[in-house]
PDB file of all heavy atoms in Angstrom:
ATOM      1  N   VAL A   1       0.833  -1.197  -0.007  1.00  0.00           N
ATOM      2  CA  VAL A   1       0.029  -0.010  -0.001  1.00  0.00           C
ATOM      3  C   VAL A   1       0.873   1.262  -0.017  1.00  0.00           C
ATOM      4  O   VAL A   1       0.632   2.235  -0.784  1.00  0.00           O
ATOM      5  CB  VAL A   1      -0.953  -0.010   1.228  1.00  0.00           C
ATOM      6  CG1 VAL A   1      -1.762   1.292   1.263  1.00  0.00           C
ATOM      7  CG2 VAL A   1      -1.908  -1.176   1.141  1.00  0.00           C
ATOM      8  N   THR A   2       1.917   1.268   0.793  1.00  0.00           N
ATOM      9  CA  THR A   2       2.775   2.463   0.988  1.00  0.00           C
ATOM     10  C   THR A   2       3.545   2.746  -0.308  1.00  0.00           C
ATOM     11  O   THR A   2       3.555   3.882  -0.802  1.00  0.00           O
ATOM     12  CB  THR A   2       3.700   2.289   2.168  1.00  0.00           C
ATOM     13  OG1 THR A   2       2.944   1.913   3.322  1.00  0.00           O
ATOM     14  CG2 THR A   2       4.457   3.582   2.447  1.00  0.00           C
ATOM     15  N   PHE A   3       4.213   1.709  -0.824  1.00  0.00           N
ATOM     16  CA  PHE A   3       4.989   1.896  -2.091  1.00  0.00           C
ATOM     17  C   PHE A   3       4.100   2.353  -3.231  1.00  0.00           C
ATOM     18  O   PHE A   3       4.399   3.283  -3.943  1.00  0.00           O
ATOM     19  CB  PHE A   3       5.705   0.641  -2.468  1.00  0.00           C
ATOM     20  CG  PHE A   3       6.941   0.329  -1.664  1.00  0.00           C
ATOM     21  CD1 PHE A   3       7.258  -0.980  -1.358  1.00  0.00           C
ATOM     22  CD2 PHE A   3       7.751   1.299  -1.206  1.00  0.00           C
ATOM     23  CE1 PHE A   3       8.405  -1.324  -0.586  1.00  0.00           C
ATOM     24  CE2 PHE A   3       8.888   1.089  -0.474  1.00  0.00           C
ATOM     25  CZ  PHE A   3       9.206  -0.250  -0.141  1.00  0.00           C
ATOM     26  N   GLN A   4       2.953   1.694  -3.377  1.00  0.00           N
ATOM     27  CA  GLN A   4       2.054   2.062  -4.482  1.00  0.00           C
ATOM     28  C   GLN A   4       1.525   3.484  -4.334  1.00  0.00           C
ATOM     29  O   GLN A   4       1.477   4.209  -5.355  1.00  0.00           O
ATOM     30  CB  GLN A   4       0.914   1.084  -4.518  1.00  0.00           C
ATOM     31  CG  GLN A   4       0.019   1.281  -5.759  1.00  0.00           C
ATOM     32  CD  GLN A   4      -0.933   0.061  -6.010  1.00  0.00           C
ATOM     33  OE1 GLN A   4      -0.493  -1.049  -5.933  1.00  0.00           O
ATOM     34  NE2 GLN A   4      -2.139   0.379  -6.375  1.00  0.00           N
ATOM     35  N   ALA A   5       1.250   3.871  -3.123  1.00  0.00           N
ATOM     36  CA  ALA A   5       0.739   5.200  -2.917  1.00  0.00           C
ATOM     37  C   ALA A   5       1.783   6.265  -3.282  1.00  0.00           C
ATOM     38  O   ALA A   5       1.543   7.234  -3.998  1.00  0.00           O
ATOM     39  CB  ALA A   5       0.300   5.445  -1.464  1.00  0.00           C
ATOM     40  N   PHE A   6       3.007   6.056  -2.792  1.00  0.00           N
ATOM     41  CA  PHE A   6       4.053   7.066  -3.044  1.00  0.00           C
ATOM     42  C   PHE A   6       4.632   7.014  -4.395  1.00  0.00           C
ATOM     43  O   PHE A   6       5.110   7.970  -4.927  1.00  0.00           O
ATOM     44  CB  PHE A   6       5.089   6.949  -1.918  1.00  0.00           C
ATOM     45  CG  PHE A   6       4.647   7.508  -0.639  1.00  0.00           C
ATOM     46  CD1 PHE A   6       4.156   6.698   0.376  1.00  0.00           C
ATOM     47  CD2 PHE A   6       4.661   8.868  -0.408  1.00  0.00           C
ATOM     48  CE1 PHE A   6       3.672   7.230   1.538  1.00  0.00           C
ATOM     49  CE2 PHE A   6       4.151   9.408   0.774  1.00  0.00           C
ATOM     50  CZ  PHE A   6       3.702   8.587   1.756  1.00  0.00           C
ATOM     51  N   VAL A   7       4.539   5.838  -5.120  1.00  0.00           N
ATOM     52  CA  VAL A   7       4.937   5.806  -6.495  1.00  0.00           C
ATOM     53  C   VAL A   7       3.932   6.636  -7.304  1.00  0.00           C
ATOM     54  O   VAL A   7       4.314   7.389  -8.234  1.00  0.00           O
ATOM     55  CB  VAL A   7       5.041   4.351  -7.023  1.00  0.00           C
ATOM     56  CG1 VAL A   7       5.058   4.250  -8.555  1.00  0.00           C
ATOM     57  CG2 VAL A   7       6.251   3.677  -6.450  1.00  0.00           C
ATOM     58  N   ASN A   8       2.606   6.399  -7.052  1.00  0.00           N
ATOM     59  CA  ASN A   8       1.594   7.126  -7.740  1.00  0.00           C
ATOM     60  C   ASN A   8       1.727   8.638  -7.530  1.00  0.00           C
ATOM     61  O   ASN A   8       1.739   9.422  -8.496  1.00  0.00           O
ATOM     62  CB  ASN A   8       0.198   6.675  -7.307  1.00  0.00           C
ATOM     63  CG  ASN A   8      -0.920   7.467  -7.911  1.00  0.00           C
ATOM     64  OD1 ASN A   8      -1.226   8.515  -7.454  1.00  0.00           O
ATOM     65  ND2 ASN A   8      -1.538   6.932  -8.928  1.00  0.00           N
ATOM     66  N   ILE A   9       1.853   9.067  -6.303  1.00  0.00           N
ATOM     67  CA  ILE A   9       1.943  10.466  -5.944  1.00  0.00           C
ATOM     68  C   ILE A   9       3.193  11.073  -6.527  1.00  0.00           C
ATOM     69  O   ILE A   9       3.203  12.189  -7.107  1.00  0.00           O
ATOM     70  CB  ILE A   9       1.864  10.677  -4.385  1.00  0.00           C
ATOM     71  CG1 ILE A   9       0.491  10.319  -3.913  1.00  0.00           C
ATOM     72  CG2 ILE A   9       2.217  12.124  -4.059  1.00  0.00           C
ATOM     73  CD1 ILE A   9       0.362  10.204  -2.378  1.00  0.00           C
ATOM     74  N   SER A  10       4.324  10.404  -6.381  1.00  0.00           N
ATOM     75  CA  SER A  10       5.585  10.920  -6.935  1.00  0.00           C
ATOM     76  C   SER A  10       5.564  11.107  -8.415  1.00  0.00           C
ATOM     77  O   SER A  10       6.100  12.059  -8.955  1.00  0.00           O
ATOM     78  CB  SER A  10       6.761   9.962  -6.527  1.00  0.00           C
ATOM     79  OG  SER A  10       6.887   9.844  -5.150  1.00  0.00           O
ATOM     80  N   ALA A  11       4.902  10.166  -9.131  1.00  0.00           N
ATOM     81  CA  ALA A  11       4.791  10.245 -10.582  1.00  0.00           C
ATOM     82  C   ALA A  11       3.937  11.445 -10.975  1.00  0.00           C
ATOM     83  O   ALA A  11       4.295  12.182 -11.912  1.00  0.00           O
ATOM     84  CB  ALA A  11       4.199   8.997 -11.119  1.00  0.00           C
ATOM     85  N   ILE A  12       2.848  11.690 -10.299  1.00  0.00           N
ATOM     86  CA  ILE A  12       1.935  12.795 -10.634  1.00  0.00           C
ATOM     87  C   ILE A  12       2.581  14.147 -10.336  1.00  0.00           C
ATOM     88  O   ILE A  12       2.256  15.154 -11.005  1.00  0.00           O
ATOM     89  CB  ILE A  12       0.592  12.651  -9.879  1.00  0.00           C
ATOM     90  CG1 ILE A  12      -0.204  11.433 -10.424  1.00  0.00           C
ATOM     91  CG2 ILE A  12      -0.230  13.885  -9.975  1.00  0.00           C
ATOM     92  CD1 ILE A  12      -0.547  11.546 -11.894  1.00  0.00           C
ATOM     93  N   ILE A  13       3.469  14.260  -9.415  1.00  0.00           N
ATOM     94  CA  ILE A  13       4.133  15.540  -9.123  1.00  0.00           C
ATOM     95  C   ILE A  13       5.516  15.571  -9.735  1.00  0.00           C
ATOM     96  O   ILE A  13       6.328  16.452  -9.425  1.00  0.00           O
ATOM     97  CB  ILE A  13       4.202  15.871  -7.628  1.00  0.00           C
ATOM     98  CG1 ILE A  13       4.975  14.805  -6.850  1.00  0.00           C
ATOM     99  CG2 ILE A  13       2.789  16.013  -7.053  1.00  0.00           C
ATOM    100  CD1 ILE A  13       5.078  15.127  -5.362  1.00  0.00           C
ATOM    101  N   ALA A  14       5.830  14.629 -10.636  1.00  0.00           N
ATOM    102  CA  ALA A  14       7.023  14.604 -11.499  1.00  0.00           C
ATOM    103  C   ALA A  14       8.294  14.425 -10.710  1.00  0.00           C
ATOM    104  O   ALA A  14       9.369  14.868 -11.125  1.00  0.00           O
ATOM    105  CB  ALA A  14       7.129  15.891 -12.306  1.00  0.00           C
ATOM    106  N   ILE A  15       8.234  13.637  -9.591  1.00  0.00           N
ATOM    107  CA  ILE A  15       9.454  13.312  -8.838  1.00  0.00           C
ATOM    108  C   ILE A  15      10.125  12.108  -9.478  1.00  0.00           C
ATOM    109  O   ILE A  15      11.306  11.929  -9.473  1.00  0.00           O
ATOM    110  CB  ILE A  15       9.151  13.070  -7.357  1.00  0.00           C
ATOM    111  CG1 ILE A  15       8.792  14.375  -6.694  1.00  0.00           C
ATOM    112  CG2 ILE A  15      10.331  12.424  -6.627  1.00  0.00           C
ATOM    113  CD1 ILE A  15       8.389  14.228  -5.229  1.00  0.00           C
ATOM    114  N   ILE A  16       9.269  11.144 -10.043  1.00  0.00           N
ATOM    115  CA  ILE A  16       9.711   9.990 -10.777  1.00  0.00           C
ATOM    116  C   ILE A  16       8.986   9.957 -12.104  1.00  0.00           C
ATOM    117  O   ILE A  16       8.000  10.680 -12.287  1.00  0.00           O
ATOM    118  CB  ILE A  16       9.519   8.705  -9.965  1.00  0.00           C
ATOM    119  CG1 ILE A  16       7.977   8.459  -9.762  1.00  0.00           C
ATOM    120  CG2 ILE A  16      10.250   8.715  -8.638  1.00  0.00           C
ATOM    121  CD1 ILE A  16       7.641   7.115  -9.171  1.00  0.00           C
ATOM    122  N   PRO A  17       9.472   9.114 -13.079  1.00  0.00           N
ATOM    123  CA  PRO A  17       8.762   9.076 -14.354  1.00  0.00           C
ATOM    124  C   PRO A  17       7.309   8.558 -14.150  1.00  0.00           C
ATOM    125  O   PRO A  17       7.035   7.827 -13.257  1.00  0.00           O
ATOM    126  CB  PRO A  17       9.588   7.981 -15.145  1.00  0.00           C
ATOM    127  CG  PRO A  17      10.982   8.094 -14.555  1.00  0.00           C
ATOM    128  CD  PRO A  17      10.763   8.388 -13.064  1.00  0.00           C
ATOM    129  N   LEU A  18       6.425   8.969 -15.046  1.00  0.00           N
ATOM    130  CA  LEU A  18       5.029   8.686 -14.968  1.00  0.00           C
ATOM    131  C   LEU A  18       4.783   7.172 -15.041  1.00  0.00           C
ATOM    132  O   LEU A  18       5.346   6.483 -15.912  1.00  0.00           O
ATOM    133  CB  LEU A  18       4.249   9.382 -16.090  1.00  0.00           C
ATOM    134  CG  LEU A  18       2.727   9.466 -15.967  1.00  0.00           C
ATOM    135  CD1 LEU A  18       2.334  10.267 -14.749  1.00  0.00           C
ATOM    136  CD2 LEU A  18       2.120  10.058 -17.209  1.00  0.00           C
ATOM    137  N   THR A  19       3.954   6.646 -14.167  1.00  0.00           N
ATOM    138  CA  THR A  19       3.587   5.250 -14.211  1.00  0.00           C
ATOM    139  C   THR A  19       2.057   5.085 -14.205  1.00  0.00           C
ATOM    140  O   THR A  19       1.376   6.020 -13.852  1.00  0.00           O
ATOM    141  CB  THR A  19       4.136   4.465 -12.960  1.00  0.00           C
ATOM    142  OG1 THR A  19       3.589   5.064 -11.797  1.00  0.00           O
ATOM    143  CG2 THR A  19       5.649   4.514 -12.941  1.00  0.00           C
ATOM    144  N   GLY A  20       1.586   3.939 -14.563  1.00  0.00           N
ATOM    145  CA  GLY A  20       0.119   3.755 -14.685  1.00  0.00           C
ATOM    146  C   GLY A  20      -0.426   2.924 -13.588  1.00  0.00           C
ATOM    147  O   GLY A  20      -1.146   1.955 -13.864  1.00  0.00           O
ATOM    148  N   ILE A  21      -0.112   3.261 -12.364  1.00  0.00           N
ATOM    149  CA  ILE A  21      -0.706   2.442 -11.202  1.00  0.00           C
ATOM    150  C   ILE A  21      -1.656   3.341 -10.366  1.00  0.00           C
ATOM    151  O   ILE A  21      -1.409   4.555 -10.274  1.00  0.00           O
ATOM    152  CB  ILE A  21       0.405   1.871 -10.310  1.00  0.00           C
ATOM    153  CG1 ILE A  21       1.267   2.921  -9.648  1.00  0.00           C
ATOM    154  CG2 ILE A  21       1.238   0.850 -11.076  1.00  0.00           C
ATOM    155  CD1 ILE A  21       2.234   2.371  -8.661  1.00  0.00           C
ATOM    156  N   PRO A  22      -2.662   2.737  -9.840  1.00  0.00           N
ATOM    157  CA  PRO A  22      -3.689   3.575  -9.130  1.00  0.00           C
ATOM    158  C   PRO A  22      -3.223   3.966  -7.734  1.00  0.00           C
ATOM    159  O   PRO A  22      -2.302   3.338  -7.169  1.00  0.00           O
ATOM    160  CB  PRO A  22      -4.896   2.596  -9.027  1.00  0.00           C
ATOM    161  CG  PRO A  22      -4.290   1.209  -9.061  1.00  0.00           C
ATOM    162  CD  PRO A  22      -3.111   1.346  -9.961  1.00  0.00           C
ATOM    163  N   LEU A  23      -3.893   4.960  -7.147  1.00  0.00           N
ATOM    164  CA  LEU A  23      -3.679   5.380  -5.820  1.00  0.00           C
ATOM    165  C   LEU A  23      -4.535   4.533  -4.881  1.00  0.00           C
ATOM    166  O   LEU A  23      -5.756   4.543  -5.015  1.00  0.00           O
ATOM    167  CB  LEU A  23      -4.004   6.862  -5.665  1.00  0.00           C
ATOM    168  CG  LEU A  23      -3.719   7.529  -4.354  1.00  0.00           C
ATOM    169  CD1 LEU A  23      -2.229   7.483  -4.015  1.00  0.00           C
ATOM    170  CD2 LEU A  23      -4.172   8.994  -4.341  1.00  0.00           C
ATOM    171  N   PRO A  24      -3.921   3.768  -3.994  1.00  0.00           N
ATOM    172  CA  PRO A  24      -4.691   2.816  -3.159  1.00  0.00           C
ATOM    173  C   PRO A  24      -5.863   3.475  -2.426  1.00  0.00           C
ATOM    174  O   PRO A  24      -5.712   4.556  -1.856  1.00  0.00           O
ATOM    175  CB  PRO A  24      -3.622   2.275  -2.169  1.00  0.00           C
ATOM    176  CG  PRO A  24      -2.353   2.437  -2.853  1.00  0.00           C
ATOM    177  CD  PRO A  24      -2.472   3.709  -3.693  1.00  0.00           C
ATOM    178  N   PHE A  25      -7.047   2.798  -2.473  1.00  0.00           N
ATOM    179  CA  PHE A  25      -8.251   3.240  -1.789  1.00  0.00           C
ATOM    180  C   PHE A  25      -8.909   4.493  -2.377  1.00  0.00           C
ATOM    181  O   PHE A  25     -10.026   4.861  -2.038  1.00  0.00           O
ATOM    182  CB  PHE A  25      -8.027   3.514  -0.290  1.00  0.00           C
ATOM    183  CG  PHE A  25      -7.355   2.385   0.439  1.00  0.00           C
ATOM    184  CD1 PHE A  25      -6.072   2.521   0.981  1.00  0.00           C
ATOM    185  CD2 PHE A  25      -7.980   1.127   0.601  1.00  0.00           C
ATOM    186  CE1 PHE A  25      -5.453   1.513   1.647  1.00  0.00           C
ATOM    187  CE2 PHE A  25      -7.364   0.123   1.267  1.00  0.00           C
ATOM    188  CZ  PHE A  25      -6.141   0.284   1.799  1.00  0.00           C
ATOM    189  N   ILE A  26      -8.214   5.188  -3.267  1.00  0.00           N
ATOM    190  CA  ILE A  26      -8.694   6.475  -3.768  1.00  0.00           C
ATOM    191  C   ILE A  26      -9.112   6.394  -5.254  1.00  0.00           C
ATOM    192  O   ILE A  26     -10.153   6.804  -5.629  1.00  0.00           O
ATOM    193  CB  ILE A  26      -7.668   7.591  -3.605  1.00  0.00           C
ATOM    194  CG1 ILE A  26      -7.087   7.631  -2.217  1.00  0.00           C
ATOM    195  CG2 ILE A  26      -8.208   8.963  -4.007  1.00  0.00           C
ATOM    196  CD1 ILE A  26      -8.079   8.034  -1.142  1.00  0.00           C
ATOM    197  N   SER A  27      -8.215   5.819  -6.057  1.00  0.00           N
ATOM    198  CA  SER A  27      -8.473   5.676  -7.520  1.00  0.00           C
ATOM    199  C   SER A  27      -9.661   4.751  -7.762  1.00  0.00           C
ATOM    200  O   SER A  27      -9.862   3.805  -7.056  1.00  0.00           O
ATOM    201  CB  SER A  27      -7.271   5.161  -8.268  1.00  0.00           C
ATOM    202  OG  SER A  27      -6.231   6.077  -8.267  1.00  0.00           O
ATOM    203  N   TYR A  28     -10.410   5.047  -8.821  1.00  0.00           N
ATOM    204  CA  TYR A  28     -11.481   4.171  -9.245  1.00  0.00           C
ATOM    205  C   TYR A  28     -10.905   2.857  -9.782  1.00  0.00           C
ATOM    206  O   TYR A  28      -9.907   2.845 -10.461  1.00  0.00           O
ATOM    207  CB  TYR A  28     -12.265   4.852 -10.392  1.00  0.00           C
ATOM    208  CG  TYR A  28     -13.363   4.013 -11.012  1.00  0.00           C
ATOM    209  CD1 TYR A  28     -14.616   3.883 -10.394  1.00  0.00           C
ATOM    210  CD2 TYR A  28     -13.104   3.316 -12.183  1.00  0.00           C
ATOM    211  CE1 TYR A  28     -15.606   3.117 -10.985  1.00  0.00           C
ATOM    212  CE2 TYR A  28     -14.106   2.558 -12.752  1.00  0.00           C
ATOM    213  CZ  TYR A  28     -15.344   2.459 -12.140  1.00  0.00           C
ATOM    214  OH  TYR A  28     -16.299   1.677 -12.717  1.00  0.00           O
ATOM    215  N   GLY A  29     -11.556   1.749  -9.441  1.00  0.00           N
ATOM    216  CA  GLY A  29     -11.128   0.431  -9.973  1.00  0.00           C
ATOM    217  C   GLY A  29     -11.551  -0.670  -8.977  1.00  0.00           C
ATOM    218  O   GLY A  29     -11.063  -0.751  -7.853  1.00  0.00           O
ATOM    219  N   GLY A  30     -12.421  -1.527  -9.482  1.00  0.00           N
ATOM    220  CA  GLY A  30     -12.974  -2.541  -8.616  1.00  0.00           C
ATOM    221  C   GLY A  30     -11.993  -3.634  -8.173  1.00  0.00           C
ATOM    222  O   GLY A  30     -11.972  -4.044  -7.033  1.00  0.00           O
ATOM    223  N   THR A  31     -11.233  -4.091  -9.119  1.00  0.00           N
ATOM    224  CA  THR A  31     -10.281  -5.156  -8.846  1.00  0.00           C
ATOM    225  C   THR A  31      -9.254  -4.736  -7.805  1.00  0.00           C
ATOM    226  O   THR A  31      -8.941  -5.479  -6.862  1.00  0.00           O
ATOM    227  CB  THR A  31      -9.510  -5.652 -10.149  1.00  0.00           C
ATOM    228  OG1 THR A  31     -10.435  -5.879 -11.174  1.00  0.00           O
ATOM    229  CG2 THR A  31      -8.737  -6.904  -9.882  1.00  0.00           C
ATOM    230  N   SER A  32      -8.708  -3.576  -7.991  1.00  0.00           N
ATOM    231  CA  SER A  32      -7.714  -3.014  -7.069  1.00  0.00           C
ATOM    232  C   SER A  32      -8.368  -2.905  -5.690  1.00  0.00           C
ATOM    233  O   SER A  32      -7.707  -3.364  -4.679  1.00  0.00           O
ATOM    234  CB  SER A  32      -7.265  -1.645  -7.504  1.00  0.00           C
ATOM    235  OG  SER A  32      -6.440  -1.043  -6.591  1.00  0.00           O
ATOM    236  N   PHE A  33      -9.550  -2.420  -5.573  1.00  0.00           N
ATOM    237  CA  PHE A  33     -10.177  -2.176  -4.293  1.00  0.00           C
ATOM    238  C   PHE A  33     -10.463  -3.503  -3.596  1.00  0.00           C
ATOM    239  O   PHE A  33     -10.243  -3.646  -2.361  1.00  0.00           O
ATOM    240  CB  PHE A  33     -11.468  -1.380  -4.431  1.00  0.00           C
ATOM    241  CG  PHE A  33     -12.014  -0.826  -3.158  1.00  0.00           C
ATOM    242  CD1 PHE A  33     -11.370   0.259  -2.569  1.00  0.00           C
ATOM    243  CD2 PHE A  33     -13.088  -1.399  -2.527  1.00  0.00           C
ATOM    244  CE1 PHE A  33     -11.857   0.765  -1.349  1.00  0.00           C
ATOM    245  CE2 PHE A  33     -13.591  -0.894  -1.330  1.00  0.00           C
ATOM    246  CZ  PHE A  33     -12.940   0.190  -0.724  1.00  0.00           C
ATOM    247  N   VAL A  34     -10.941  -4.499  -4.342  1.00  0.00           N
ATOM    248  CA  VAL A  34     -11.265  -5.829  -3.736  1.00  0.00           C
ATOM    249  C   VAL A  34     -10.011  -6.419  -3.088  1.00  0.00           C
ATOM    250  O   VAL A  34     -10.057  -6.882  -1.960  1.00  0.00           O
ATOM    251  CB  VAL A  34     -11.841  -6.771  -4.833  1.00  0.00           C
ATOM    252  CG1 VAL A  34     -11.822  -8.223  -4.336  1.00  0.00           C
ATOM    253  CG2 VAL A  34     -13.260  -6.352  -5.164  1.00  0.00           C
ATOM    254  N   PHE A  35      -8.895  -6.449  -3.814  1.00  0.00           N
ATOM    255  CA  PHE A  35      -7.705  -7.099  -3.272  1.00  0.00           C
ATOM    256  C   PHE A  35      -7.021  -6.252  -2.179  1.00  0.00           C
ATOM    257  O   PHE A  35      -6.401  -6.806  -1.304  1.00  0.00           O
ATOM    258  CB  PHE A  35      -6.771  -7.482  -4.416  1.00  0.00           C
ATOM    259  CG  PHE A  35      -7.245  -8.652  -5.177  1.00  0.00           C
ATOM    260  CD1 PHE A  35      -7.718  -8.484  -6.471  1.00  0.00           C
ATOM    261  CD2 PHE A  35      -7.302  -9.918  -4.605  1.00  0.00           C
ATOM    262  CE1 PHE A  35      -8.205  -9.587  -7.162  1.00  0.00           C
ATOM    263  CE2 PHE A  35      -7.783 -11.010  -5.308  1.00  0.00           C
ATOM    264  CZ  PHE A  35      -8.251 -10.864  -6.595  1.00  0.00           C
ATOM    265  N   LEU A  36      -7.195  -4.944  -2.237  1.00  0.00           N
ATOM    266  CA  LEU A  36      -6.736  -4.123  -1.140  1.00  0.00           C
ATOM    267  C   LEU A  36      -7.553  -4.463   0.145  1.00  0.00           C
ATOM    268  O   LEU A  36      -6.952  -4.533   1.218  1.00  0.00           O
ATOM    269  CB  LEU A  36      -6.915  -2.635  -1.433  1.00  0.00           C
ATOM    270  CG  LEU A  36      -5.832  -2.007  -2.333  1.00  0.00           C
ATOM    271  CD1 LEU A  36      -6.285  -0.632  -2.835  1.00  0.00           C
ATOM    272  CD2 LEU A  36      -4.515  -1.878  -1.618  1.00  0.00           C
ATOM    273  N   MET A  37      -8.805  -4.696  -0.007  1.00  0.00           N
ATOM    274  CA  MET A  37      -9.659  -5.084   1.122  1.00  0.00           C
ATOM    275  C   MET A  37      -9.276  -6.433   1.662  1.00  0.00           C
ATOM    276  O   MET A  37      -9.289  -6.713   2.901  1.00  0.00           O
ATOM    277  CB  MET A  37     -11.110  -5.061   0.789  1.00  0.00           C
ATOM    278  CG  MET A  37     -11.691  -3.703   0.501  1.00  0.00           C
ATOM    279  SD  MET A  37     -11.741  -2.646   2.041  1.00  0.00           S
ATOM    280  CE  MET A  37     -10.301  -1.694   1.812  1.00  0.00           C
ATOM    281  N   VAL A  38      -8.872  -7.354   0.767  1.00  0.00           N
ATOM    282  CA  VAL A  38      -8.367  -8.682   1.229  1.00  0.00           C
ATOM    283  C   VAL A  38      -7.149  -8.497   2.089  1.00  0.00           C
ATOM    284  O   VAL A  38      -6.936  -9.036   3.165  1.00  0.00           O
ATOM    285  CB  VAL A  38      -8.052  -9.594   0.004  1.00  0.00           C
ATOM    286  CG1 VAL A  38      -7.324 -10.829   0.480  1.00  0.00           C
ATOM    287  CG2 VAL A  38      -9.318  -9.958  -0.769  1.00  0.00           C
ATOM    288  N   GLY A  39      -6.235  -7.624   1.572  1.00  0.00           N
ATOM    289  CA  GLY A  39      -4.983  -7.306   2.326  1.00  0.00           C
ATOM    290  C   GLY A  39      -5.244  -6.710   3.701  1.00  0.00           C
ATOM    291  O   GLY A  39      -4.652  -7.062   4.704  1.00  0.00           O
ATOM    292  N   MET A  40      -6.253  -5.753   3.702  1.00  0.00           N
ATOM    293  CA  MET A  40      -6.590  -5.133   4.990  1.00  0.00           C
ATOM    294  C   MET A  40      -7.218  -6.113   5.974  1.00  0.00           C
ATOM    295  O   MET A  40      -6.987  -6.055   7.181  1.00  0.00           O
ATOM    296  CB  MET A  40      -7.555  -3.943   4.740  1.00  0.00           C
ATOM    297  CG  MET A  40      -6.970  -2.798   3.970  1.00  0.00           C
ATOM    298  SD  MET A  40      -5.396  -2.169   4.702  1.00  0.00           S
ATOM    299  CE  MET A  40      -4.203  -3.025   3.663  1.00  0.00           C
ATOM    300  N   GLY A  41      -8.003  -7.044   5.434  1.00  0.00           N
ATOM    301  CA  GLY A  41      -8.588  -8.068   6.312  1.00  0.00           C
ATOM    302  C   GLY A  41      -7.540  -8.961   6.955  1.00  0.00           C
ATOM    303  O   GLY A  41      -7.580  -9.232   8.169  1.00  0.00           O
TER     304      GLY A  41
END
């Protein structure tokens, strides 16, 4: 969760090259949200 969040945020503010990964719990996407909830459980 932490790496994915900061990779997404860093890419959007141009600290690292742009990547196509969602922001955990915030970005739209059912598959991502389902497995994040599995992880949280």
